[in-house]
Amino acid sequence: MTAPTANVLDRAGDTVGDFLPQLAGALLLLVLGLLIAWMLGRLTRRALTAAGLDELAARWRVDETLARARLGRSLARLGGSVVRITVSIVVVFAALTLLGLEPLSQSLNEAVLFLPNLLFASVLVLAGVVLAGLARDRVDRLSYQMDFAVPLGQLAQVSVLAVFGIMALAQLGVSAGILSAIMVILLAAAAATFALAFGLGGREVAKALNAGRFVRGAFDVGQTISVAGVRGEIISIDPEATVIGTAEGSVRVPNHLLVESVVTVHPPRRPGGDGDRGLA
């Protein structure tokens, strides 16, 4: 064996001999760190469960929102998973840093410093998903009560998600100019959608309200009328509909129907007569 070859082998042996302790330490740190992360995750989940977080989530229907987002129904379990994953990432970065790779160590340090921002952004996204689901449920109920045909609940959900998404992007350091452009586009889309929603969904309501003025001028409470197969006495004339009492009960007739249809006004009942007997 020549002298240069022997020198190369000696250097390689010295390098491997110096690297093996670092590798062993990194592996040991990785195993112990992942074990600690798993234990912290379980302890966090048990603590949140004992604190009643899952019951609170079920009361506010957060569990349903999490299920729709495919995050499971347990908010306590989700919190434990977040803690476990966060600690695991820190442990992996620390183990890689222990190997002594200088270029990699600098990048890993920057990644560790960026980790809190990423965690907070993830919390914002999760909060946005939960609040967006709640907003959709509330707006869907209101839209159903107001008889809007346009799905305003879905629009509210997307709007809330967009707001929290922009906040998360800002937390991650995205340029303010880009965020401003995104906000302008979202506001313009929301305004156009709301205008379309109220233009389509509120058309029938506006039609009935406008007809109510003519109905109040043409009919009086107490009159007996027949319209669209309904005969009875006018109980009240509301802004959007007229309530008619029949033998079977009260019937709400949209005011625009009284304006557009043929309405028969019956003469008042004579004392002792039976023309409208049995009517309310």
Protein backbone atom coordinates (compact mmCIF):
# COMPACT_ATOMS: atom_id res chain seq x y z
CA MET A 1 0.00 0.00 0.00
CA THR A 2 1.44 3.37 -1.01
CA ALA A 3 1.87 6.26 1.37
CA PRO A 4 -0.83 8.51 -0.24
CA THR A 5 -3.38 5.68 -0.06
CA ALA A 6 -2.54 5.07 3.59
CA ASN A 7 -2.94 8.77 4.35
CA VAL A 8 -6.38 8.84 2.71
CA LEU A 9 -7.54 5.81 4.65
CA ASP A 10 -6.25 7.30 7.90
CA ARG A 11 -8.14 10.53 7.26
CA ALA A 12 -11.31 8.62 6.39
CA GLY A 13 -10.99 6.58 9.55
CA ASP A 14 -10.50 9.71 11.64
CA THR A 15 -13.53 11.38 10.00
CA VAL A 16 -15.75 8.34 10.57
CA GLY A 17 -14.47 8.05 14.13
CA ASP A 18 -15.37 11.69 14.80
CA PHE A 19 -18.75 11.40 13.05
CA LEU A 20 -19.97 8.23 14.76
CA PRO A 21 -20.39 9.82 18.21
CA GLN A 22 -22.35 12.69 16.62
CA LEU A 23 -24.53 10.22 14.72
CA ALA A 24 -25.14 8.17 17.85
CA GLY A 25 -26.02 11.30 19.82
CA ALA A 26 -28.37 12.50 17.07
CA LEU A 27 -30.13 9.12 16.95
CA LEU A 28 -30.45 9.01 20.72
CA LEU A 29 -31.82 12.55 20.80
CA LEU A 30 -34.26 11.70 18.01
CA VAL A 31 -35.61 8.59 19.76
CA LEU A 32 -35.92 10.22 23.17
CA GLY A 33 -37.35 13.41 21.68
CA LEU A 34 -40.03 11.58 19.70
CA LEU A 35 -40.94 9.60 22.80
CA ILE A 36 -41.25 12.81 24.82
CA ALA A 37 -43.33 14.39 22.05
CA TRP A 38 -45.71 11.41 22.08
CA MET A 39 -46.04 11.63 25.88
CA LEU A 40 -46.63 15.40 25.80
CA GLY A 41 -49.30 14.91 23.14
CA ARG A 42 -51.14 12.34 25.27
CA LEU A 43 -50.87 14.47 28.40
CA THR A 44 -52.18 17.50 26.53
CA ARG A 45 -55.13 15.53 25.17
CA ARG A 46 -56.02 14.15 28.59
CA ALA A 47 -55.72 17.59 30.20
CA LEU A 48 -57.96 19.19 27.58
CA THR A 49 -60.48 16.36 27.87
CA ALA A 50 -60.55 16.69 31.66
CA ALA A 51 -61.08 20.43 31.25
CA GLY A 52 -64.25 19.72 29.26
CA LEU A 53 -63.03 21.00 25.90
CA ASP A 54 -64.83 18.29 23.93
CA GLU A 55 -68.13 18.98 25.72
CA LEU A 56 -67.77 22.68 24.96
CA ALA A 57 -66.98 21.89 21.33
CA ALA A 58 -70.08 19.69 21.08
CA ARG A 59 -72.23 22.39 22.68
CA TRP A 60 -71.08 24.93 20.10
CA ARG A 61 -71.20 22.31 17.31
CA VAL A 62 -67.49 22.73 16.69
CA ASP A 63 -67.12 18.95 16.48
CA GLU A 64 -69.36 18.88 13.41
CA THR A 65 -67.21 21.52 11.74
CA LEU A 66 -64.05 19.57 12.53
CA ALA A 67 -65.63 16.41 11.14
CA ARG A 68 -66.52 18.20 7.89
CA ALA A 69 -62.90 19.40 7.67
CA ARG A 70 -61.75 15.77 8.23
CA LEU A 71 -59.91 16.72 11.42
CA GLY A 72 -61.80 14.32 13.68
CA ARG A 73 -64.57 15.21 16.09
CA SER A 74 -62.41 15.62 19.22
CA LEU A 75 -60.94 19.08 19.71
CA ALA A 76 -58.85 17.78 22.63
CA ARG A 77 -57.31 15.08 20.44
CA LEU A 78 -56.55 17.69 17.80
CA GLY A 79 -54.81 19.87 20.39
CA GLY A 80 -52.71 16.92 21.53
CA SER A 81 -51.76 16.13 17.94
CA VAL A 82 -50.66 19.73 17.37
CA VAL A 83 -48.41 19.61 20.45
CA ARG A 84 -46.95 16.23 19.44
CA ILE A 85 -46.22 17.32 15.87
CA THR A 86 -44.69 20.62 16.98
CA VAL A 87 -42.34 18.99 19.50
CA SER A 88 -41.45 16.28 16.98
CA ILE A 89 -40.42 18.87 14.41
CA VAL A 90 -38.24 20.65 16.96
CA VAL A 91 -36.62 17.35 17.93
CA VAL A 92 -35.88 16.42 14.30
CA PHE A 93 -34.30 19.83 13.70
CA ALA A 94 -32.21 19.51 16.87
CA ALA A 95 -31.04 16.02 15.89
CA LEU A 96 -29.98 17.20 12.44
CA THR A 97 -28.17 20.18 13.97
CA LEU A 98 -26.27 17.84 16.27
CA LEU A 99 -24.67 16.19 13.24
CA GLY A 100 -22.50 19.29 12.84
CA LEU A 101 -23.39 20.18 9.25
CA GLU A 102 -22.81 23.95 9.21
CA PRO A 103 -24.85 24.95 6.10
CA LEU A 104 -27.68 22.69 7.20
CA SER A 105 -27.47 23.96 10.78
CA GLN A 106 -28.05 27.55 9.72
CA SER A 107 -31.09 26.60 7.65
CA LEU A 108 -32.46 24.49 10.49
CA ASN A 109 -32.03 27.34 12.98
CA GLU A 110 -34.00 29.64 10.70
CA ALA A 111 -36.68 26.96 10.36
CA VAL A 112 -36.91 26.56 14.15
CA LEU A 113 -37.25 30.32 14.58
CA PHE A 114 -39.98 30.31 11.92
CA LEU A 115 -41.85 27.46 13.61
CA PRO A 116 -43.82 29.66 16.10
CA ASN A 117 -45.15 31.74 13.21
CA LEU A 118 -46.19 28.59 11.39
CA LEU A 119 -47.88 27.24 14.52
CA PHE A 120 -49.80 30.46 15.11
CA ALA A 121 -50.83 30.57 11.45
CA SER A 122 -52.12 27.00 11.77
CA VAL A 123 -54.13 28.00 14.84
CA LEU A 124 -55.62 30.90 12.87
CA VAL A 125 -56.61 28.57 10.04
CA LEU A 126 -58.18 26.13 12.49
CA ALA A 127 -60.09 28.94 14.21
CA GLY A 128 -61.21 30.14 10.79
CA VAL A 129 -62.52 26.70 9.87
CA VAL A 130 -64.48 26.45 13.13
CA LEU A 131 -65.91 29.98 13.01
CA ALA A 132 -66.71 29.65 9.31
CA GLY A 133 -68.75 26.53 10.02
CA LEU A 134 -70.65 28.30 12.80
CA ALA A 135 -71.25 31.32 10.57
CA ARG A 136 -72.59 29.09 7.82
CA ASP A 137 -75.06 27.41 10.17
CA ARG A 138 -76.36 30.75 11.48
CA VAL A 139 -76.65 32.35 8.05
CA ASP A 140 -78.31 29.25 6.57
CA ARG A 141 -80.98 29.43 9.28
CA LEU A 142 -81.52 33.13 8.64
CA SER A 143 -81.66 32.57 4.88
CA TYR A 144 -84.24 29.82 5.37
CA GLN A 145 -86.38 32.08 7.54
CA MET A 146 -86.17 34.89 4.96
CA ASP A 147 -86.80 32.46 2.09
CA PHE A 148 -83.64 33.29 0.15
CA ALA A 149 -82.95 30.84 -2.64
CA VAL A 150 -79.25 31.78 -2.85
CA PRO A 151 -76.91 29.83 -0.49
CA LEU A 152 -75.74 32.76 1.64
CA GLY A 153 -74.40 30.37 4.28
CA GLN A 154 -71.73 29.10 1.90
CA LEU A 155 -70.80 32.69 1.04
CA ALA A 156 -70.43 33.54 4.73
CA GLN A 157 -68.28 30.47 5.28
CA VAL A 158 -65.95 31.35 2.40
CA SER A 159 -65.71 34.97 3.59
CA VAL A 160 -64.71 33.99 7.13
CA LEU A 161 -62.20 31.47 5.82
CA ALA A 162 -60.74 34.12 3.51
CA VAL A 163 -60.29 36.60 6.37
CA PHE A 164 -58.54 34.08 8.60
CA GLY A 165 -56.51 32.80 5.66
CA ILE A 166 -55.22 36.31 4.95
CA MET A 167 -54.36 36.74 8.64
CA ALA A 168 -52.45 33.45 8.53
CA LEU A 169 -50.55 34.53 5.42
CA ALA A 170 -49.65 37.81 7.10
CA GLN A 171 -48.34 35.84 10.08
CA LEU A 172 -46.14 33.85 7.70
CA GLY A 173 -44.63 37.06 6.34
CA VAL A 174 -46.37 37.32 2.98
CA SER A 175 -46.00 40.75 1.34
CA ALA A 176 -48.56 43.36 2.37
CA GLY A 177 -49.06 44.32 -1.27
CA ILE A 178 -50.09 40.80 -2.18
CA LEU A 179 -52.44 40.60 0.78
CA SER A 180 -54.02 43.94 -0.15
CA ALA A 181 -54.64 42.73 -3.69
CA ILE A 182 -56.20 39.52 -2.39
CA MET A 183 -58.42 41.48 0.02
CA VAL A 184 -59.64 43.81 -2.77
CA ILE A 185 -60.49 40.86 -5.00
CA LEU A 186 -62.36 39.08 -2.20
CA LEU A 187 -64.30 42.20 -1.24
CA ALA A 188 -65.32 42.79 -4.85
CA ALA A 189 -66.42 39.16 -5.24
CA ALA A 190 -68.36 39.27 -1.96
CA ALA A 191 -70.10 42.52 -2.91
CA ALA A 192 -71.10 41.15 -6.31
CA THR A 193 -72.36 37.92 -4.76
CA PHE A 194 -74.40 39.72 -2.11
CA ALA A 195 -75.93 41.99 -4.73
CA LEU A 196 -76.89 38.97 -6.81
CA ALA A 197 -78.19 37.12 -3.75
CA PHE A 198 -80.44 39.91 -2.60
CA GLY A 199 -81.50 40.65 -6.18
CA LEU A 200 -82.62 37.06 -6.77
CA GLY A 201 -83.53 35.82 -3.31
CA GLY A 202 -85.36 38.96 -2.22
CA ARG A 203 -87.29 39.47 -5.43
CA GLU A 204 -90.41 37.68 -4.26
CA VAL A 205 -90.30 39.37 -0.86
CA ALA A 206 -89.95 42.80 -2.44
CA LYS A 207 -92.80 41.99 -4.81
CA ALA A 208 -95.06 41.08 -1.89
CA LEU A 209 -94.10 44.19 0.09
CA ASN A 210 -94.85 46.45 -2.85
CA ALA A 211 -98.20 44.77 -3.40
CA GLY A 212 -99.10 45.20 0.27
CA ARG A 213 -99.72 48.92 -0.22
CA PHE A 214 -102.34 48.25 -2.89
CA VAL A 215 -103.96 45.47 -0.86
CA ARG A 216 -104.40 47.73 2.18
CA GLY A 217 -106.09 50.31 -0.03
CA ALA A 218 -108.42 47.82 -1.77
CA PHE A 219 -109.48 45.53 1.09
CA ASP A 220 -110.37 45.88 4.75
CA VAL A 221 -110.02 43.61 7.73
CA GLY A 222 -113.28 41.71 8.28
CA GLN A 223 -114.21 41.38 4.61
CA THR A 224 -114.96 37.92 3.23
CA ILE A 225 -113.14 37.21 -0.01
CA SER A 226 -112.32 34.32 -2.33
CA VAL A 227 -108.97 34.07 -4.11
CA ALA A 228 -107.10 31.12 -5.62
CA GLY A 229 -109.56 28.62 -4.17
CA VAL A 230 -109.39 30.11 -0.67
CA ARG A 231 -112.47 31.68 0.87
CA GLY A 232 -112.60 33.29 4.25
CA GLU A 233 -112.55 36.47 6.30
CA ILE A 234 -109.56 38.80 6.25
CA ILE A 235 -107.98 38.68 9.70
CA SER A 236 -105.00 40.95 9.07
CA ILE A 237 -103.10 42.57 6.22
CA ASP A 238 -99.39 42.23 6.88
CA PRO A 239 -96.65 43.95 4.82
CA GLU A 240 -95.94 40.83 2.76
CA ALA A 241 -99.09 38.67 3.07
CA THR A 242 -102.75 38.75 4.01
CA VAL A 243 -104.06 36.37 6.65
CA ILE A 244 -107.45 34.82 5.79
CA GLY A 245 -109.43 32.80 8.31
CA THR A 246 -111.17 29.72 6.93
CA ALA A 247 -113.08 26.85 8.46
CA GLU A 248 -109.88 24.80 8.47
CA GLY A 249 -107.69 27.53 9.96
CA SER A 250 -105.69 30.59 8.99
CA VAL A 251 -104.16 30.89 5.52
CA ARG A 252 -101.44 33.36 4.52
CA VAL A 253 -101.89 34.61 0.96
CA PRO A 254 -99.04 36.65 -0.59
CA ASN A 255 -100.18 40.18 -1.31
CA HIS A 256 -99.02 40.07 -4.93
CA LEU A 257 -101.44 37.17 -5.49
CA LEU A 258 -104.34 39.41 -4.38
CA VAL A 259 -103.19 42.02 -6.89
CA GLU A 260 -102.62 39.67 -9.83
CA SER A 261 -105.56 37.28 -9.34
CA VAL A 262 -109.31 37.62 -9.60
CA VAL A 263 -110.66 38.31 -6.09
CA THR A 264 -114.32 37.93 -5.18
CA VAL A 265 -115.56 40.15 -2.36
CA HIS A 266 -118.58 38.61 -0.69
CA PRO A 267 -121.28 40.74 0.92
CA PRO A 268 -121.41 40.91 4.71
CA ARG A 269 -123.31 38.16 6.50
CA ARG A 270 -126.88 39.00 7.31
CA PRO A 271 -128.02 38.43 10.87
CA GLY A 272 -129.31 34.88 11.11
CA GLY A 273 -128.03 34.03 7.63
CA ASP A 274 -125.96 30.97 6.83
CA GLY A 275 -124.10 32.20 3.80
CA ASP A 276 -120.71 32.06 5.56
CA ARG A 277 -121.54 29.82 8.48
CA GLY A 278 -118.58 28.01 9.87
CA LEU A 279 -116.08 30.58 8.66
CA ALA A 280 -113.74 32.25 11.12
